[in-house]
Every structure is written in C-alpha cells, then in structure tokens.
Amino acid sequence: MVIIITAIVMGIEVVGGFLTNSLALLSDAGHMLTHLFALGMSFFAIVLAARPVTKEKTYGFYRAEILVAFVNGIVLLFLTAFIFYKAIFRIISPQPVAELQMLLVAILGLAANGAGIFLLHGIGREDINVKSAFLHLIGDTASSVAVVLGGLIIYYTDNFLIDPLVSILICILILIWAGKLLAESTNILLEATPKHVDIDEMVSFIKRRVPGVKAIHHVHVWVITSHMYAMTAHVIVEDITVNQSHKILEKINQLVANEFDISHTNIQFEVR
C-alpha cells in the first residue's frame, strides 16, 4: 500500500512540476523516487528470500537486488545533475512559478508521506527492511515540508528564486543517498569485506574462544546481499578425530553467527 501511494504521488509531483514550472516539485519527486526505490527494495528482498535456490544459482537471486541498486544509483546521479543544471539557470534568471498549484501538489506529497509513516509505524519493528523503509519515508517527509514552506514563501512574496534554491537543497539529499547506494552496492559486487567485520580481530576472537584452534588463514568474508554474510577459512588444528573437528566447527559457526552475523560458512580443517 505504501509503495502504491508513493508511486502515485511521485507521478503527480512530476506532472505538477512540469505544469507549474517548479523545479522544487521535480526535485521532491526525484527524492521520492529514491525512497520509492528503498521501499521497493525492501519488498523485493522479502520476495527473493522466499524463492528457493537452484543448481545454477546456489545463493539464490539475492544479488539481483544489488544490481538494481547499482543501476538506480547511476540513474539518480544523472537525474540530480540535470536538476542542478536547470537550477543554476533559474538562479541566474528566475522564472515565474504557478505558486498556488505548486503549493497544493506539495501538500498532497506531504500528506502521502504522512500516510506512509502512519501505515508503517509500529509494523515489523524488528524487521530491518521495514525500519529502513520507515526512515526513508521520514526523510521524504522532510523534503516535502521544505517544498511546502518554499511554496508558501513564493506565494506571499513572489520571490521565485526560492524554487531553484529548494530544488538544490533536495538534490543534495539525493546525492548523499545515491552516493551511499553506489558505494554499498559497488562494495558488495566487488565482494569487499563487510564494514562491521575486522578479519584480524575475528581470527583472534575465534582462537581465544575455541579450544583446539591453532591458527586460521585464507579467511574471506563477503556480502551476498544486504545483511547476509558469508565466510570461508582454513583452520589449523591438531591431528584429531572427525567428531572432535565437528565440535570445533559447531563452535566456530556459532561464534561468527552471534558476534559477526555471518550465516554462511565453509570451513576447511588442516593438520600441522
């Protein structure tokens, strides 16, 4: 429901932005697009999690989320650059805006964001995807408030310079979000170590907490998709029985799951 409401209002803001000649409305629509994407990604992640893995895609379809995120980040950069370009010309040569119509559309956008916050409030407090979507809606509401205030100032002062200034402010917000999106998706695609994992610290932690582990090497930790981590490692032990090595393996898996949120492991034992 929240996704549908956001999509409809974003479309209205795009049309309203062109009809009223308001860059602020177009910028708010662009900002809403970033959060529509965040909502869609949250839903997408839930749908993908329910799909079974196949022989060809042994980790499932989780990386599709990351690919879409990367493409979306690039599109947002081009969109923001276009709005910045238009805003600079509007600052040099201000153009009239249909301020009353702009204000009405902006209020509609604010109401839609408020409705989205109301619908998500209290739902899935422990679900990180829902939390993320909720925070994005709050950010969207803040940008809608800025457009409404800008519309009020223009309506009472006829200062059309406010419109491009508000659009630049919102573009900065989009750039920050798009930059983070591109950085995170690029790191995942390059299979970089997750930010919350320090491999040296993790190795030392395992050696301290798991008796029988002499050394650990060839450690690799990467992100499969948002909040899903995998690890491979070679663990050096004494010449022990299979049953003893299994107990060590269970302890390592439990430790990395509880302390580092790593759910997929592939541990190879070596005797030295």
Protein backbone atom coordinates (compact mmCIF):
# COMPACT_ATOMS: atom_id res chain seq x y z
CA MET A 1 0.00 0.00 0.00
CA VAL A 2 2.81 2.43 0.93
CA ILE A 3 4.61 1.65 -2.35
CA ILE A 4 1.46 2.32 -4.37
CA ILE A 5 0.73 5.62 -2.58
CA THR A 6 4.34 6.80 -3.02
CA ALA A 7 4.38 5.88 -6.73
CA ILE A 8 1.09 7.69 -7.44
CA VAL A 9 2.10 10.86 -5.62
CA MET A 10 5.54 10.83 -7.25
CA GLY A 11 3.81 10.73 -10.66
CA ILE A 12 1.55 13.62 -9.63
CA GLU A 13 4.58 15.65 -8.50
CA VAL A 14 6.38 15.02 -11.79
CA VAL A 15 3.34 16.19 -13.79
CA GLY A 16 2.74 19.05 -11.36
CA GLY A 17 6.39 20.11 -11.58
CA PHE A 18 6.22 20.45 -15.35
CA LEU A 19 2.80 22.15 -15.34
CA THR A 20 3.70 24.66 -12.61
CA ASN A 21 7.27 25.17 -13.88
CA SER A 22 8.57 24.20 -10.41
CA LEU A 23 12.00 22.64 -10.06
CA ALA A 24 11.37 22.14 -6.34
CA LEU A 25 8.46 19.81 -7.12
CA LEU A 26 10.54 17.90 -9.66
CA SER A 27 13.35 17.60 -7.12
CA ASP A 28 10.94 16.36 -4.47
CA ALA A 29 9.66 13.81 -6.99
CA GLY A 30 13.28 12.72 -7.55
CA HIS A 31 13.80 12.44 -3.80
CA MET A 32 10.58 10.45 -3.59
CA LEU A 33 11.94 8.20 -6.34
CA THR A 34 14.93 7.33 -4.15
CA HIS A 35 12.64 6.33 -1.34
CA LEU A 36 10.21 4.56 -3.65
CA PHE A 37 13.22 2.53 -4.66
CA ALA A 38 14.07 1.88 -0.99
CA LEU A 39 10.52 0.67 -0.33
CA GLY A 40 10.63 -1.47 -3.47
CA MET A 41 13.97 -2.95 -2.46
CA SER A 42 12.61 -3.83 0.98
CA PHE A 43 9.69 -5.62 -0.65
CA PHE A 44 12.00 -7.14 -3.27
CA ALA A 45 14.27 -8.54 -0.55
CA ILE A 46 11.32 -10.20 1.18
CA VAL A 47 10.12 -11.76 -2.09
CA LEU A 48 13.60 -13.01 -3.03
CA ALA A 49 14.13 -14.50 0.41
CA ALA A 50 11.13 -16.74 -0.22
CA ARG A 51 12.46 -18.09 -3.53
CA PRO A 52 14.35 -21.42 -3.39
CA VAL A 53 17.90 -21.72 -4.64
CA THR A 54 18.66 -23.60 -7.85
CA LYS A 55 21.59 -25.68 -9.08
CA GLU A 56 22.66 -22.75 -11.27
CA LYS A 57 22.14 -20.07 -8.58
CA THR A 58 23.29 -21.72 -5.39
CA TYR A 59 22.96 -18.49 -3.38
CA GLY A 60 19.53 -17.76 -4.83
CA PHE A 61 18.59 -14.49 -6.50
CA TYR A 62 19.77 -12.10 -3.80
CA ARG A 63 22.37 -10.34 -5.97
CA ALA A 64 19.58 -9.09 -8.28
CA GLU A 65 18.77 -6.59 -5.52
CA ILE A 66 22.33 -5.28 -5.57
CA LEU A 67 22.46 -4.97 -9.36
CA VAL A 68 19.24 -2.96 -9.34
CA ALA A 69 20.63 -0.76 -6.56
CA PHE A 70 23.78 -0.03 -8.58
CA VAL A 71 21.83 0.92 -11.71
CA ASN A 72 19.43 3.04 -9.67
CA GLY A 73 22.33 4.95 -8.09
CA ILE A 74 23.73 5.84 -11.52
CA VAL A 75 20.31 6.97 -12.78
CA LEU A 76 19.89 9.18 -9.70
CA LEU A 77 23.26 10.85 -10.35
CA PHE A 78 22.21 11.78 -13.89
CA LEU A 79 18.80 12.96 -12.66
CA THR A 80 20.39 15.14 -9.98
CA ALA A 81 22.90 16.60 -12.45
CA PHE A 82 20.04 17.59 -14.76
CA ILE A 83 18.11 19.32 -11.97
CA PHE A 84 21.27 21.10 -10.77
CA TYR A 85 21.87 22.31 -14.31
CA LYS A 86 18.34 23.70 -14.57
CA ALA A 87 18.52 25.23 -11.07
CA ILE A 88 21.66 27.22 -11.85
CA PHE A 89 19.97 28.82 -14.84
CA ARG A 90 16.88 29.55 -12.72
CA ILE A 91 19.07 31.31 -10.14
CA ILE A 92 20.72 33.42 -12.85
CA SER A 93 17.40 34.14 -14.48
CA PRO A 94 14.43 33.40 -12.15
CA GLN A 95 11.27 32.18 -13.86
CA PRO A 96 7.68 32.51 -12.62
CA VAL A 97 6.07 29.54 -10.92
CA ALA A 98 2.36 28.75 -10.54
CA GLU A 99 2.78 29.03 -6.80
CA LEU A 100 -0.77 28.10 -5.70
CA GLN A 101 -0.85 24.93 -7.80
CA MET A 102 2.71 24.13 -6.69
CA LEU A 103 1.68 24.52 -3.07
CA LEU A 104 -1.34 22.23 -3.47
CA VAL A 105 0.73 19.48 -5.10
CA ALA A 106 3.42 19.82 -2.41
CA ILE A 107 0.79 19.49 0.34
CA LEU A 108 -0.51 16.37 -1.39
CA GLY A 109 3.01 14.93 -1.36
CA LEU A 110 3.41 15.77 2.32
CA ALA A 111 0.07 14.11 3.11
CA ALA A 112 1.09 10.96 1.22
CA ASN A 113 4.36 10.72 3.15
CA GLY A 114 2.47 11.22 6.40
CA ALA A 115 0.10 8.42 5.42
CA GLY A 116 3.07 6.16 4.66
CA ILE A 117 4.61 6.85 8.06
CA PHE A 118 1.27 6.12 9.73
CA LEU A 119 0.93 2.79 7.88
CA LEU A 120 4.47 1.63 8.70
CA HIS A 121 4.56 2.92 12.27
CA GLY A 122 4.59 0.01 14.69
CA ILE A 123 4.78 -2.63 11.92
CA GLY A 124 7.72 -5.03 11.90
CA ARG A 125 9.82 -3.17 14.45
CA GLU A 126 12.36 -6.00 14.40
CA ASP A 127 12.47 -6.20 10.59
CA ILE A 128 15.45 -4.20 9.33
CA ASN A 129 13.87 -3.76 5.88
CA VAL A 130 10.73 -2.18 7.36
CA LYS A 131 12.87 0.02 9.62
CA SER A 132 14.86 1.20 6.60
CA ALA A 133 11.70 1.99 4.63
CA PHE A 134 10.30 3.89 7.63
CA LEU A 135 13.44 6.05 7.94
CA HIS A 136 13.39 6.81 4.20
CA LEU A 137 9.78 8.00 4.50
CA ILE A 138 10.76 10.34 7.31
CA GLY A 139 13.47 11.80 5.06
CA ASP A 140 10.95 12.16 2.24
CA THR A 141 8.57 13.96 4.57
CA ALA A 142 11.31 16.43 5.49
CA SER A 143 11.89 17.30 1.82
CA SER A 144 8.13 17.69 1.28
CA VAL A 145 7.99 20.10 4.21
CA ALA A 146 10.78 22.12 2.57
CA VAL A 147 8.80 22.32 -0.70
CA VAL A 148 5.62 23.36 1.13
CA LEU A 149 7.50 26.08 3.01
CA GLY A 150 9.11 27.21 -0.25
CA GLY A 151 5.68 27.32 -1.90
CA LEU A 152 4.31 29.45 0.95
CA ILE A 153 7.22 31.90 0.71
CA ILE A 154 6.77 32.21 -3.06
CA TYR A 155 3.00 32.64 -2.67
CA TYR A 156 3.33 35.52 -0.20
CA THR A 157 6.50 37.19 -1.52
CA ASP A 158 6.62 36.37 -5.26
CA ASN A 159 10.29 35.55 -4.75
CA PHE A 160 10.73 32.89 -7.43
CA LEU A 161 14.40 32.43 -6.51
CA ILE A 162 13.19 30.19 -3.66
CA ASP A 163 12.15 27.47 -6.11
CA PRO A 164 15.63 26.63 -7.50
CA LEU A 165 17.19 27.04 -4.05
CA VAL A 166 14.82 24.45 -2.57
CA SER A 167 15.48 22.15 -5.53
CA ILE A 168 19.25 22.36 -4.93
CA LEU A 169 18.75 21.55 -1.25
CA ILE A 170 16.75 18.45 -2.13
CA CYS A 171 19.29 17.47 -4.80
CA ILE A 172 21.99 17.47 -2.16
CA LEU A 173 19.92 14.99 -0.16
CA ILE A 174 19.50 12.82 -3.26
CA LEU A 175 23.26 12.95 -3.97
CA ILE A 176 24.08 11.83 -0.43
CA TRP A 177 21.66 8.91 -0.66
CA ALA A 178 22.72 7.95 -4.20
CA GLY A 179 26.40 8.13 -3.23
CA LYS A 180 25.87 5.78 -0.30
CA LEU A 181 23.82 3.47 -2.51
CA LEU A 182 26.54 3.31 -5.17
CA ALA A 183 29.31 2.82 -2.61
CA GLU A 184 27.49 0.00 -0.83
CA SER A 185 26.38 -1.79 -4.00
CA THR A 186 29.88 -1.49 -5.54
CA ASN A 187 31.48 -2.96 -2.41
CA ILE A 188 29.05 -5.86 -2.45
CA LEU A 189 29.61 -6.53 -6.16
CA LEU A 190 33.38 -6.45 -5.56
CA GLU A 191 32.86 -8.85 -2.63
CA ALA A 192 34.55 -6.49 -0.19
CA THR A 193 34.73 -7.34 3.50
CA PRO A 194 31.66 -6.01 5.36
CA LYS A 195 32.25 -2.80 7.33
CA HIS A 196 31.37 -4.39 10.66
CA VAL A 197 33.94 -7.20 10.26
CA ASP A 198 37.64 -6.80 11.08
CA ILE A 199 39.20 -10.07 9.87
CA ASP A 200 42.24 -9.89 12.18
CA GLU A 201 40.00 -9.20 15.16
CA MET A 202 37.64 -12.02 14.17
CA VAL A 203 40.53 -14.51 13.80
CA SER A 204 41.93 -13.56 17.22
CA PHE A 205 38.46 -13.82 18.74
CA ILE A 206 37.94 -17.35 17.36
CA LYS A 207 41.38 -18.51 18.54
CA ARG A 208 40.67 -17.20 22.06
CA ARG A 209 37.20 -18.66 22.33
CA VAL A 210 37.54 -22.03 20.57
CA PRO A 211 39.94 -24.53 22.17
CA GLY A 212 41.88 -26.61 19.67
CA VAL A 213 42.26 -23.90 17.03
CA LYS A 214 45.98 -23.29 16.45
CA ALA A 215 45.76 -20.83 13.55
CA ILE A 216 43.41 -19.55 10.86
CA HIS A 217 44.36 -18.40 7.37
CA HIS A 218 42.87 -17.84 3.91
CA VAL A 219 39.96 -16.04 5.53
CA HIS A 220 37.42 -14.44 3.21
CA VAL A 221 34.27 -12.63 4.31
CA TRP A 222 31.85 -11.04 1.89
CA VAL A 223 28.27 -9.85 1.47
CA ILE A 224 25.80 -11.94 -0.52
CA THR A 225 23.12 -9.27 -0.27
CA SER A 226 22.01 -6.72 2.32
CA HIS A 227 22.58 -8.13 5.81
CA MET A 228 23.53 -11.61 4.55
CA TYR A 229 27.20 -12.51 5.05
CA ALA A 230 29.37 -15.48 4.07
CA MET A 231 32.82 -16.68 5.13
CA THR A 232 35.42 -19.24 4.06
CA ALA A 233 38.51 -20.10 6.07
CA HIS A 234 41.24 -22.68 6.63
CA VAL A 235 41.54 -23.71 10.30
CA ILE A 236 44.69 -25.40 11.56
CA VAL A 237 44.17 -27.99 14.33
CA GLU A 238 45.97 -30.93 15.91
CA ASP A 239 45.59 -34.44 14.50
CA ILE A 240 42.14 -35.04 16.00
CA THR A 241 39.12 -37.23 15.26
CA VAL A 242 36.30 -36.27 12.93
CA ASN A 243 33.96 -35.98 15.90
CA GLN A 244 36.30 -33.51 17.63
CA SER A 245 36.66 -31.43 14.48
CA HIS A 246 32.87 -31.34 14.15
CA LYS A 247 32.57 -29.90 17.67
CA ILE A 248 35.14 -27.20 16.79
CA LEU A 249 33.22 -26.43 13.60
CA GLU A 250 29.96 -26.01 15.53
CA LYS A 251 31.62 -23.61 17.97
CA ILE A 252 33.14 -21.51 15.17
CA ASN A 253 29.81 -21.30 13.31
CA GLN A 254 28.01 -20.27 16.48
CA LEU A 255 30.58 -17.61 17.31
CA VAL A 256 30.67 -15.96 13.87
CA ALA A 257 26.86 -16.04 13.68
CA ASN A 258 26.36 -14.45 17.10
CA GLU A 259 29.24 -11.97 17.06
CA PHE A 260 29.60 -11.09 13.37
CA ASP A 261 26.20 -12.01 11.92
CA ILE A 262 27.76 -14.44 9.42
CA SER A 263 25.21 -17.09 8.47
CA HIS A 264 27.03 -18.95 5.66
CA THR A 265 30.40 -20.57 6.39
CA ASN A 266 32.71 -23.01 4.63
CA ILE A 267 35.48 -24.16 6.98
CA GLN A 268 38.35 -26.37 5.85
CA PHE A 269 40.50 -28.07 8.53
CA GLU A 270 44.24 -28.58 8.17
CA VAL A 271 46.55 -30.62 10.42
CA ARG A 272 50.01 -29.31 11.32
